[in-house]
């Protein structure tokens, strides 16, 4: 059991290990948040910057134009969506690996 208080001496203090458990929230690209949104279990705090729609989702267009021997062109462009999750506690923000909807 942890002590509820401890008075430090000028020297020869006993070591005390305190292990803190962080509340972790995973923000998915399908449910992004704004920095003005309140944390669900701590309404006195807001989400950190970096968990918005644009932070967790990105669309990339790979433009491919095929030129035929007769000079006509075909647009063979592809649109790829990149997504990632964010893991947040009240101290820091970490991102997961990016995923893609690209088909090989």
PDB file of N, CA and C in Angstrom:
ATOM      1  N   UNK A   1       0.842  -1.178   0.000  1.00  0.00           N
ATOM      2  CA  UNK A   1       0.000   0.000   0.000  1.00  0.00           C
ATOM      3  C   UNK A   1       0.889   1.244   0.000  1.00  0.00           C
ATOM      4  N   UNK A   2       0.506   2.216  -0.791  1.00  0.00           N
ATOM      5  CA  UNK A   2       1.270   3.454  -0.858  1.00  0.00           C
ATOM      6  C   UNK A   2       0.927   4.357   0.314  1.00  0.00           C
ATOM      7  N   UNK A   3       1.936   5.061   0.805  1.00  0.00           N
ATOM      8  CA  UNK A   3       1.628   6.032   1.860  1.00  0.00           C
ATOM      9  C   UNK A   3       0.823   7.190   1.268  1.00  0.00           C
ATOM     10  N   UNK A   4      -0.020   7.798   2.068  1.00  0.00           N
ATOM     11  CA  UNK A   4      -0.786   8.954   1.598  1.00  0.00           C
ATOM     12  C   UNK A   4       0.002  10.244   1.744  1.00  0.00           C
ATOM     13  N   UNK A   5       1.040  10.218   2.560  1.00  0.00           N
ATOM     14  CA  UNK A   5       1.924  11.377   2.689  1.00  0.00           C
ATOM     15  C   UNK A   5       3.305  10.885   3.101  1.00  0.00           C
ATOM     16  N   UNK A   6       4.301  11.719   2.854  1.00  0.00           N
ATOM     17  CA  UNK A   6       5.670  11.377   3.216  1.00  0.00           C
ATOM     18  C   UNK A   6       6.402  12.679   3.496  1.00  0.00           C
ATOM     19  N   UNK A   7       7.091  12.735   4.603  1.00  0.00           N
ATOM     20  CA  UNK A   7       7.861  13.925   4.946  1.00  0.00           C
ATOM     21  C   UNK A   7       9.328  13.643   4.647  1.00  0.00           C
ATOM     22  N   UNK A   8       9.900  14.429   3.733  1.00  0.00           N
ATOM     23  CA  UNK A   8      11.298  14.255   3.361  1.00  0.00           C
ATOM     24  C   UNK A   8      12.204  14.877   4.410  1.00  0.00           C
ATOM     25  N   UNK A   9      13.272  14.117   4.717  1.00  0.00           N
ATOM     26  CA  UNK A   9      14.294  14.615   5.633  1.00  0.00           C
ATOM     27  C   UNK A   9      15.362  15.321   4.800  1.00  0.00           C
ATOM     28  N   UNK A  10      16.255  16.000   5.460  1.00  0.00           N
ATOM     29  CA  UNK A  10      17.337  16.695   4.759  1.00  0.00           C
ATOM     30  C   UNK A  10      18.259  15.705   4.057  1.00  0.00           C
ATOM     31  N   UNK A  11      18.391  14.490   4.593  1.00  0.00           N
ATOM     32  CA  UNK A  11      19.225  13.455   3.967  1.00  0.00           C
ATOM     33  C   UNK A  11      18.738  12.087   4.440  1.00  0.00           C
ATOM     34  N   UNK A  12      19.300  11.034   3.847  1.00  0.00           N
ATOM     35  CA  UNK A  12      18.988   9.647   4.207  1.00  0.00           C
ATOM     36  C   UNK A  12      17.494   9.302   4.088  1.00  0.00           C
ATOM     37  N   UNK A  13      16.861   9.763   3.033  1.00  0.00           N
ATOM     38  CA  UNK A  13      15.456   9.419   2.791  1.00  0.00           C
ATOM     39  C   UNK A  13      15.353   8.002   2.253  1.00  0.00           C
ATOM     40  N   UNK A  14      14.329   7.300   2.666  1.00  0.00           N
ATOM     41  CA  UNK A  14      14.068   5.970   2.121  1.00  0.00           C
ATOM     42  C   UNK A  14      13.539   6.114   0.694  1.00  0.00           C
ATOM     43  N   UNK A  15      13.999   5.249  -0.219  1.00  0.00           N
ATOM     44  CA  UNK A  15      13.473   5.336  -1.586  1.00  0.00           C
ATOM     45  C   UNK A  15      11.999   4.920  -1.636  1.00  0.00           C
ATOM     46  N   UNK A  16      11.250   5.619  -2.437  1.00  0.00           N
ATOM     47  CA  UNK A  16       9.833   5.302  -2.631  1.00  0.00           C
ATOM     48  C   UNK A  16       9.589   5.182  -4.131  1.00  0.00           C
ATOM     49  N   UNK A  17       9.064   4.046  -4.554  1.00  0.00           N
ATOM     50  CA  UNK A  17       8.674   3.856  -5.952  1.00  0.00           C
ATOM     51  C   UNK A  17       7.169   4.053  -6.055  1.00  0.00           C
ATOM     52  N   UNK A  18       6.775   4.945  -6.934  1.00  0.00           N
ATOM     53  CA  UNK A  18       5.352   5.178  -7.172  1.00  0.00           C
ATOM     54  C   UNK A  18       5.079   4.868  -8.636  1.00  0.00           C
ATOM     55  N   UNK A  19       4.242   3.890  -8.885  1.00  0.00           N
ATOM     56  CA  UNK A  19       3.897   3.486 -10.244  1.00  0.00           C
ATOM     57  C   UNK A  19       2.547   4.093 -10.605  1.00  0.00           C
ATOM     58  N   UNK A  20       2.555   4.884 -11.661  1.00  0.00           N
ATOM     59  CA  UNK A  20       1.333   5.543 -12.099  1.00  0.00           C
ATOM     60  C   UNK A  20       0.754   4.806 -13.292  1.00  0.00           C
ATOM     61  N   UNK A  21      -0.530   4.685 -13.322  1.00  0.00           N
ATOM     62  CA  UNK A  21      -1.204   4.061 -14.448  1.00  0.00           C
ATOM     63  C   UNK A  21      -1.882   5.161 -15.256  1.00  0.00           C
ATOM     64  N   UNK A  22      -1.520   5.239 -16.536  1.00  0.00           N
ATOM     65  CA  UNK A  22      -2.083   6.257 -17.409  1.00  0.00           C
ATOM     66  C   UNK A  22      -3.395   5.780 -18.011  1.00  0.00           C
ATOM     67  N   UNK A  23      -4.322   6.678 -18.152  1.00  0.00           N
ATOM     68  CA  UNK A  23      -5.560   6.403 -18.873  1.00  0.00           C
ATOM     69  C   UNK A  23      -5.247   6.596 -20.354  1.00  0.00           C
ATOM     70  N   UNK A  24      -5.420   5.547 -21.138  1.00  0.00           N
ATOM     71  CA  UNK A  24      -5.074   5.578 -22.560  1.00  0.00           C
ATOM     72  C   UNK A  24      -6.346   5.589 -23.396  1.00  0.00           C
ATOM     73  N   UNK A  25      -6.368   6.464 -24.393  1.00  0.00           N
ATOM     74  CA  UNK A  25      -7.488   6.565 -25.327  1.00  0.00           C
ATOM     75  C   UNK A  25      -6.938   6.350 -26.732  1.00  0.00           C
ATOM     76  N   UNK A  26      -7.554   5.455 -27.494  1.00  0.00           N
ATOM     77  CA  UNK A  26      -7.163   5.242 -28.888  1.00  0.00           C
ATOM     78  C   UNK A  26      -8.169   5.980 -29.764  1.00  0.00           C
ATOM     79  N   UNK A  27      -7.661   6.897 -30.589  1.00  0.00           N
ATOM     80  CA  UNK A  27      -8.511   7.650 -31.506  1.00  0.00           C
ATOM     81  C   UNK A  27      -8.331   7.050 -32.893  1.00  0.00           C
ATOM     82  N   UNK A  28      -9.422   6.606 -33.487  1.00  0.00           N
ATOM     83  CA  UNK A  28      -9.366   5.959 -34.796  1.00  0.00           C
ATOM     84  C   UNK A  28      -9.628   6.978 -35.900  1.00  0.00           C
ATOM     85  N   UNK A  29      -9.196   6.661 -37.118  1.00  0.00           N
ATOM     86  CA  UNK A  29      -9.433   7.591 -38.224  1.00  0.00           C
ATOM     87  C   UNK A  29     -10.920   7.780 -38.535  1.00  0.00           C
ATOM     88  N   UNK A  30     -11.755   6.824 -38.127  1.00  0.00           N
ATOM     89  CA  UNK A  30     -13.201   6.945 -38.348  1.00  0.00           C
ATOM     90  C   UNK A  30     -13.890   7.803 -37.292  1.00  0.00           C
ATOM     91  N   UNK A  31     -13.190   8.111 -36.203  1.00  0.00           N
ATOM     92  CA  UNK A  31     -13.772   8.907 -35.120  1.00  0.00           C
ATOM     93  C   UNK A  31     -12.752   9.930 -34.618  1.00  0.00           C
ATOM     94  N   UNK A  32     -12.277  10.834 -35.503  1.00  0.00           N
ATOM     95  CA  UNK A  32     -11.273  11.819 -35.088  1.00  0.00           C
ATOM     96  C   UNK A  32     -11.862  12.821 -34.094  1.00  0.00           C
ATOM     97  N   UNK A  33     -10.995  13.537 -33.420  1.00  0.00           N
ATOM     98  CA  UNK A  33     -11.412  14.520 -32.413  1.00  0.00           C
ATOM     99  C   UNK A  33     -10.778  15.872 -32.728  1.00  0.00           C
ATOM    100  N   UNK A  34     -11.271  16.893 -32.060  1.00  0.00           N
ATOM    101  CA  UNK A  34     -10.705  18.241 -32.158  1.00  0.00           C
ATOM    102  C   UNK A  34     -10.062  18.592 -30.820  1.00  0.00           C
ATOM    103  N   UNK A  35      -9.122  19.525 -30.853  1.00  0.00           N
ATOM    104  CA  UNK A  35      -8.462  19.924 -29.603  1.00  0.00           C
ATOM    105  C   UNK A  35      -9.420  20.673 -28.675  1.00  0.00           C
ATOM    106  N   UNK A  36     -10.594  21.029 -29.166  1.00  0.00           N
ATOM    107  CA  UNK A  36     -11.601  21.672 -28.313  1.00  0.00           C
ATOM    108  C   UNK A  36     -12.536  20.657 -27.658  1.00  0.00           C
ATOM    109  N   UNK A  37     -12.483  19.386 -28.100  1.00  0.00           N
ATOM    110  CA  UNK A  37     -13.311  18.332 -27.503  1.00  0.00           C
ATOM    111  C   UNK A  37     -12.750  17.935 -26.139  1.00  0.00           C
ATOM    112  N   UNK A  38     -13.634  17.645 -25.209  1.00  0.00           N
ATOM    113  CA  UNK A  38     -13.238  17.235 -23.855  1.00  0.00           C
ATOM    114  C   UNK A  38     -12.899  15.745 -23.822  1.00  0.00           C
ATOM    115  N   UNK A  39     -11.948  15.370 -22.977  1.00  0.00           N
ATOM    116  CA  UNK A  39     -11.639  13.958 -22.779  1.00  0.00           C
ATOM    117  C   UNK A  39     -12.832  13.286 -22.103  1.00  0.00           C
ATOM    118  N   UNK A  40     -13.153  12.045 -22.497  1.00  0.00           N
ATOM    119  CA  UNK A  40     -14.366  11.410 -21.979  1.00  0.00           C
ATOM    120  C   UNK A  40     -14.365  11.179 -20.467  1.00  0.00           C
ATOM    121  N   UNK A  41     -13.223  10.833 -19.889  1.00  0.00           N
ATOM    122  CA  UNK A  41     -13.168  10.538 -18.455  1.00  0.00           C
ATOM    123  C   UNK A  41     -12.579  11.671 -17.627  1.00  0.00           C
ATOM    124  N   UNK A  42     -12.246  12.785 -18.297  1.00  0.00           N
ATOM    125  CA  UNK A  42     -11.672  13.918 -17.585  1.00  0.00           C
ATOM    126  C   UNK A  42     -12.113  15.204 -18.286  1.00  0.00           C
ATOM    127  N   UNK A  43     -13.335  15.645 -18.057  1.00  0.00           N
ATOM    128  CA  UNK A  43     -13.846  16.810 -18.778  1.00  0.00           C
ATOM    129  C   UNK A  43     -13.136  18.122 -18.459  1.00  0.00           C
ATOM    130  N   UNK A  44     -12.198  18.100 -17.528  1.00  0.00           N
ATOM    131  CA  UNK A  44     -11.419  19.311 -17.273  1.00  0.00           C
ATOM    132  C   UNK A  44     -10.255  19.430 -18.256  1.00  0.00           C
ATOM    133  N   UNK A  45     -10.037  18.401 -19.083  1.00  0.00           N
ATOM    134  CA  UNK A  45      -8.940  18.393 -20.062  1.00  0.00           C
ATOM    135  C   UNK A  45      -9.507  18.208 -21.465  1.00  0.00           C
ATOM    136  N   UNK A  46      -8.777  18.750 -22.435  1.00  0.00           N
ATOM    137  CA  UNK A  46      -9.156  18.607 -23.837  1.00  0.00           C
ATOM    138  C   UNK A  46      -8.214  17.630 -24.530  1.00  0.00           C
ATOM    139  N   UNK A  47      -8.655  17.126 -25.685  1.00  0.00           N
ATOM    140  CA  UNK A  47      -7.771  16.322 -26.528  1.00  0.00           C
ATOM    141  C   UNK A  47      -6.599  17.190 -26.968  1.00  0.00           C
ATOM    142  N   UNK A  48      -5.453  16.566 -27.185  1.00  0.00           N
ATOM    143  CA  UNK A  48      -4.285  17.285 -27.670  1.00  0.00           C
ATOM    144  C   UNK A  48      -4.433  17.580 -29.157  1.00  0.00           C
ATOM    145  N   UNK A  49      -3.696  18.564 -29.637  1.00  0.00           N
ATOM    146  CA  UNK A  49      -3.650  18.844 -31.073  1.00  0.00           C
ATOM    147  C   UNK A  49      -2.993  17.651 -31.751  1.00  0.00           C
ATOM    148  N   UNK A  50      -3.538  17.221 -32.882  1.00  0.00           N
ATOM    149  CA  UNK A  50      -2.945  16.116 -33.629  1.00  0.00           C
ATOM    150  C   UNK A  50      -3.855  14.915 -33.780  1.00  0.00           C
ATOM    151  N   UNK A  51      -5.133  15.054 -33.427  1.00  0.00           N
ATOM    152  CA  UNK A  51      -6.058  13.923 -33.529  1.00  0.00           C
ATOM    153  C   UNK A  51      -7.269  14.262 -34.403  1.00  0.00           C
ATOM    154  N   UNK A  52      -7.120  15.254 -35.275  1.00  0.00           N
ATOM    155  CA  UNK A  52      -8.229  15.683 -36.129  1.00  0.00           C
ATOM    156  C   UNK A  52      -8.330  14.804 -37.378  1.00  0.00           C
ATOM    157  N   UNK A  53      -9.366  15.047 -38.163  1.00  0.00           N
ATOM    158  CA  UNK A  53      -9.584  14.321 -39.417  1.00  0.00           C
ATOM    159  C   UNK A  53      -8.335  14.368 -40.302  1.00  0.00           C
ATOM    160  N   UNK A  54      -7.747  15.545 -40.471  1.00  0.00           N
ATOM    161  CA  UNK A  54      -6.574  15.688 -41.341  1.00  0.00           C
ATOM    162  C   UNK A  54      -5.313  15.071 -40.753  1.00  0.00           C
ATOM    163  N   UNK A  55      -5.251  14.918 -39.441  1.00  0.00           N
ATOM    164  CA  UNK A  55      -4.084  14.294 -38.814  1.00  0.00           C
ATOM    165  C   UNK A  55      -4.105  12.775 -38.951  1.00  0.00           C
ATOM    166  N   UNK A  56      -5.296  12.189 -39.046  1.00  0.00           N
ATOM    167  CA  UNK A  56      -5.426  10.731 -39.057  1.00  0.00           C
ATOM    168  C   UNK A  56      -5.796  10.167 -40.427  1.00  0.00           C
ATOM    169  N   UNK A  57      -6.128  11.021 -41.370  1.00  0.00           N
ATOM    170  CA  UNK A  57      -6.538  10.587 -42.712  1.00  0.00           C
ATOM    171  C   UNK A  57      -5.873  11.462 -43.761  1.00  0.00           C
ATOM    172  N   UNK A  58      -5.411  10.837 -44.829  1.00  0.00           N
ATOM    173  CA  UNK A  58      -4.844  11.603 -45.940  1.00  0.00           C
ATOM    174  C   UNK A  58      -5.147  10.876 -47.241  1.00  0.00           C
ATOM    175  N   UNK A  59      -5.591  11.637 -48.228  1.00  0.00           N
ATOM    176  CA  UNK A  59      -5.850  11.072 -49.550  1.00  0.00           C
ATOM    177  C   UNK A  59      -4.752  11.540 -50.492  1.00  0.00           C
ATOM    178  N   UNK A  60      -4.213  10.602 -51.238  1.00  0.00           N
ATOM    179  CA  UNK A  60      -3.147  10.891 -52.193  1.00  0.00           C
ATOM    180  C   UNK A  60      -3.612  10.442 -53.566  1.00  0.00           C
ATOM    181  N   UNK A  61      -3.436  11.322 -54.546  1.00  0.00           N
ATOM    182  CA  UNK A  61      -3.789  10.954 -55.919  1.00  0.00           C
ATOM    183  C   UNK A  61      -2.499  10.713 -56.690  1.00  0.00           C
ATOM    184  N   UNK A  62      -2.397   9.507 -57.221  1.00  0.00           N
ATOM    185  CA  UNK A  62      -1.262   9.165 -58.083  1.00  0.00           C
ATOM    186  C   UNK A  62      -1.761   9.357 -59.508  1.00  0.00           C
ATOM    187  N   UNK A  63      -1.256  10.399 -60.164  1.00  0.00           N
ATOM    188  CA  UNK A  63      -1.739  10.739 -61.501  1.00  0.00           C
ATOM    189  C   UNK A  63      -0.939   9.979 -62.549  1.00  0.00           C
ATOM    190  N   UNK A  64      -1.665   9.201 -63.338  1.00  0.00           N
ATOM    191  CA  UNK A  64      -1.055   8.417 -64.415  1.00  0.00           C
ATOM    192  C   UNK A  64      -1.820   8.730 -65.694  1.00  0.00           C
ATOM    193  N   UNK A  65      -1.113   9.205 -66.693  1.00  0.00           N
ATOM    194  CA  UNK A  65      -1.719   9.460 -67.991  1.00  0.00           C
ATOM    195  C   UNK A  65      -1.042   8.557 -69.008  1.00  0.00           C
ATOM    196  N   UNK A  66      -1.828   7.693 -69.627  1.00  0.00           N
ATOM    197  CA  UNK A  66      -1.310   6.773 -70.644  1.00  0.00           C
ATOM    198  C   UNK A  66      -1.500   7.442 -72.002  1.00  0.00           C
ATOM    199  N   UNK A  67      -0.404   7.532 -72.758  1.00  0.00           N
ATOM    200  CA  UNK A  67      -0.468   8.098 -74.106  1.00  0.00           C
ATOM    201  C   UNK A  67      -0.393   6.949 -75.097  1.00  0.00           C
ATOM    202  N   UNK A  68      -1.436   6.808 -75.874  1.00  0.00           N
ATOM    203  CA  UNK A  68      -1.500   5.743 -76.880  1.00  0.00           C
ATOM    204  C   UNK A  68      -0.673   6.131 -78.106  1.00  0.00           C
ATOM    205  N   UNK A  69      -0.319   5.144 -78.931  1.00  0.00           N
ATOM    206  CA  UNK A  69       0.454   5.441 -80.146  1.00  0.00           C
ATOM    207  C   UNK A  69      -0.236   6.448 -81.066  1.00  0.00           C
ATOM    208  N   UNK A  70      -1.568   6.495 -81.051  1.00  0.00           N
ATOM    209  CA  UNK A  70      -2.271   7.450 -81.921  1.00  0.00           C
ATOM    210  C   UNK A  70      -2.341   8.848 -81.305  1.00  0.00           C
ATOM    211  N   UNK A  71      -1.749   9.029 -80.108  1.00  0.00           N
ATOM    212  CA  UNK A  71      -1.718  10.335 -79.455  1.00  0.00           C
ATOM    213  C   UNK A  71      -2.847  10.570 -78.466  1.00  0.00           C
ATOM    214  N   UNK A  72      -3.864   9.727 -78.467  1.00  0.00           N
ATOM    215  CA  UNK A  72      -4.946   9.885 -77.491  1.00  0.00           C
ATOM    216  C   UNK A  72      -4.445   9.474 -76.103  1.00  0.00           C
ATOM    217  N   UNK A  73      -5.115   9.981 -75.094  1.00  0.00           N
ATOM    218  CA  UNK A  73      -4.675   9.704 -73.716  1.00  0.00           C
ATOM    219  C   UNK A  73      -5.779   9.025 -72.918  1.00  0.00           C
ATOM    220  N   UNK A  74      -5.349   8.293 -71.914  1.00  0.00           N
ATOM    221  CA  UNK A  74      -6.248   7.645 -70.958  1.00  0.00           C
ATOM    222  C   UNK A  74      -5.794   8.059 -69.561  1.00  0.00           C
ATOM    223  N   UNK A  75      -6.743   8.494 -68.755  1.00  0.00           N
ATOM    224  CA  UNK A  75      -6.432   8.819 -67.363  1.00  0.00           C
ATOM    225  C   UNK A  75      -6.527   7.534 -66.543  1.00  0.00           C
ATOM    226  N   UNK A  76      -5.401   7.069 -66.030  1.00  0.00           N
ATOM    227  CA  UNK A  76      -5.357   5.852 -65.208  1.00  0.00           C
ATOM    228  C   UNK A  76      -4.964   6.202 -63.773  1.00  0.00           C
ATOM    229  N   UNK A  77      -5.381   7.385 -63.328  1.00  0.00           N
ATOM    230  CA  UNK A  77      -5.019   7.849 -61.989  1.00  0.00           C
ATOM    231  C   UNK A  77      -5.663   6.978 -60.918  1.00  0.00           C
ATOM    232  N   UNK A  78      -5.013   6.941 -59.765  1.00  0.00           N
ATOM    233  CA  UNK A  78      -5.514   6.168 -58.631  1.00  0.00           C
ATOM    234  C   UNK A  78      -5.548   7.069 -57.405  1.00  0.00           C
ATOM    235  N   UNK A  79      -6.605   6.906 -56.615  1.00  0.00           N
ATOM    236  CA  UNK A  79      -6.749   7.636 -55.366  1.00  0.00           C
ATOM    237  C   UNK A  79      -6.500   6.664 -54.217  1.00  0.00           C
ATOM    238  N   UNK A  80      -5.556   7.006 -53.353  1.00  0.00           N
ATOM    239  CA  UNK A  80      -5.178   6.145 -52.231  1.00  0.00           C
ATOM    240  C   UNK A  80      -5.468   6.892 -50.931  1.00  0.00           C
ATOM    241  N   UNK A  81      -6.071   6.200 -49.988  1.00  0.00           N
ATOM    242  CA  UNK A  81      -6.348   6.780 -48.676  1.00  0.00           C
ATOM    243  C   UNK A  81      -5.384   6.182 -47.659  1.00  0.00           C
ATOM    244  N   UNK A  82      -4.664   7.047 -46.957  1.00  0.00           N
ATOM    245  CA  UNK A  82      -3.783   6.621 -45.865  1.00  0.00           C
ATOM    246  C   UNK A  82      -4.473   6.973 -44.550  1.00  0.00           C
ATOM    247  N   UNK A  83      -4.454   6.042 -43.609  1.00  0.00           N
ATOM    248  CA  UNK A  83      -5.057   6.282 -42.298  1.00  0.00           C
ATOM    249  C   UNK A  83      -4.093   5.843 -41.204  1.00  0.00           C
ATOM    250  N   UNK A  84      -4.280   6.398 -40.019  1.00  0.00           N
ATOM    251  CA  UNK A  84      -3.516   5.962 -38.846  1.00  0.00           C
ATOM    252  C   UNK A  84      -4.338   6.245 -37.601  1.00  0.00           C
ATOM    253  N   UNK A  85      -4.014   5.541 -36.547  1.00  0.00           N
ATOM    254  CA  UNK A  85      -4.663   5.778 -35.259  1.00  0.00           C
ATOM    255  C   UNK A  85      -3.749   6.649 -34.401  1.00  0.00           C
ATOM    256  N   UNK A  86      -4.301   7.225 -33.372  1.00  0.00           N
ATOM    257  CA  UNK A  86      -3.514   7.982 -32.400  1.00  0.00           C
ATOM    258  C   UNK A  86      -3.820   7.408 -31.020  1.00  0.00           C
ATOM    259  N   UNK A  87      -2.770   7.231 -30.211  1.00  0.00           N
ATOM    260  CA  UNK A  87      -2.931   6.770 -28.836  1.00  0.00           C
ATOM    261  C   UNK A  87      -2.594   7.944 -27.932  1.00  0.00           C
ATOM    262  N   UNK A  88      -3.527   8.286 -27.081  1.00  0.00           N
ATOM    263  CA  UNK A  88      -3.407   9.488 -26.274  1.00  0.00           C
ATOM    264  C   UNK A  88      -3.578   9.155 -24.799  1.00  0.00           C
ATOM    265  N   UNK A  89      -2.702   9.706 -23.979  1.00  0.00           N
ATOM    266  CA  UNK A  89      -2.996   9.778 -22.555  1.00  0.00           C
ATOM    267  C   UNK A  89      -2.906  11.253 -22.187  1.00  0.00           C
ATOM    268  N   UNK A  90      -3.062  11.591 -20.965  1.00  0.00           N
ATOM    269  CA  UNK A  90      -3.086  13.010 -20.616  1.00  0.00           C
ATOM    270  C   UNK A  90      -1.700  13.640 -20.641  1.00  0.00           C
ATOM    271  N   UNK A  91      -0.690  12.851 -20.960  1.00  0.00           N
ATOM    272  CA  UNK A  91       0.671  13.357 -20.974  1.00  0.00           C
ATOM    273  C   UNK A  91       1.233  13.450 -22.384  1.00  0.00           C
ATOM    274  N   UNK A  92       0.924  12.474 -23.243  1.00  0.00           N
ATOM    275  CA  UNK A  92       1.548  12.457 -24.562  1.00  0.00           C
ATOM    276  C   UNK A  92       0.634  11.839 -25.610  1.00  0.00           C
ATOM    277  N   UNK A  93       1.074  11.963 -26.876  1.00  0.00           N
ATOM    278  CA  UNK A  93       0.333  11.456 -28.023  1.00  0.00           C
ATOM    279  C   UNK A  93       1.283  10.635 -28.871  1.00  0.00           C
ATOM    280  N   UNK A  94       0.854   9.418 -29.269  1.00  0.00           N
ATOM    281  CA  UNK A  94       1.658   8.560 -30.144  1.00  0.00           C
ATOM    282  C   UNK A  94       0.789   8.140 -31.316  1.00  0.00           C
ATOM    283  N   UNK A  95       1.422   7.980 -32.488  1.00  0.00           N
ATOM    284  CA  UNK A  95       0.699   7.533 -33.673  1.00  0.00           C
ATOM    285  C   UNK A  95       1.014   6.080 -33.961  1.00  0.00           C
ATOM    286  N   UNK A  96       0.027   5.360 -34.519  1.00  0.00           N
ATOM    287  CA  UNK A  96       0.230   3.989 -34.971  1.00  0.00           C
ATOM    288  C   UNK A  96       0.778   3.987 -36.385  1.00  0.00           C
ATOM    289  N   UNK A  97       1.023   2.793 -36.915  1.00  0.00           N
ATOM    290  CA  UNK A  97       1.508   2.661 -38.283  1.00  0.00           C
ATOM    291  C   UNK A  97       0.428   3.102 -39.252  1.00  0.00           C
ATOM    292  N   UNK A  98       0.865   3.685 -40.358  1.00  0.00           N
ATOM    293  CA  UNK A  98      -0.095   4.084 -41.381  1.00  0.00           C
ATOM    294  C   UNK A  98      -0.603   2.866 -42.123  1.00  0.00           C
ATOM    295  N   UNK A  99      -1.848   2.917 -42.519  1.00  0.00           N
ATOM    296  CA  UNK A  99      -2.461   1.861 -43.322  1.00  0.00           C
ATOM    297  C   UNK A  99      -2.940   2.487 -44.620  1.00  0.00           C
ATOM    298  N   UNK A 100      -3.091   1.656 -45.630  1.00  0.00           N
ATOM    299  CA  UNK A 100      -3.491   2.143 -46.943  1.00  0.00           C
ATOM    300  C   UNK A 100      -4.598   1.269 -47.503  1.00  0.00           C
ATOM    301  N   UNK A 101      -5.414   1.846 -48.352  1.00  0.00           N
ATOM    302  CA  UNK A 101      -6.428   1.067 -49.060  1.00  0.00           C
ATOM    303  C   UNK A 101      -5.912   0.614 -50.423  1.00  0.00           C
ATOM    304  N   UNK A 102      -4.628   0.803 -50.674  1.00  0.00           N
ATOM    305  CA  UNK A 102      -4.022   0.479 -51.973  1.00  0.00           C
ATOM    306  C   UNK A 102      -4.056  -1.012 -52.220  1.00  0.00           C
ATOM    307  N   UNK A 103      -4.419  -1.383 -53.420  1.00  0.00           N
ATOM    308  CA  UNK A 103      -4.414  -2.787 -53.822  1.00  0.00           C
ATOM    309  C   UNK A 103      -3.223  -3.017 -54.726  1.00  0.00           C
ATOM    310  N   UNK A 104      -2.521  -4.104 -54.495  1.00  0.00           N
ATOM    311  CA  UNK A 104      -1.320  -4.414 -55.288  1.00  0.00           C
ATOM    312  C   UNK A 104      -1.677  -4.834 -56.682  1.00  0.00           C
TER     313      UNK A 104
END
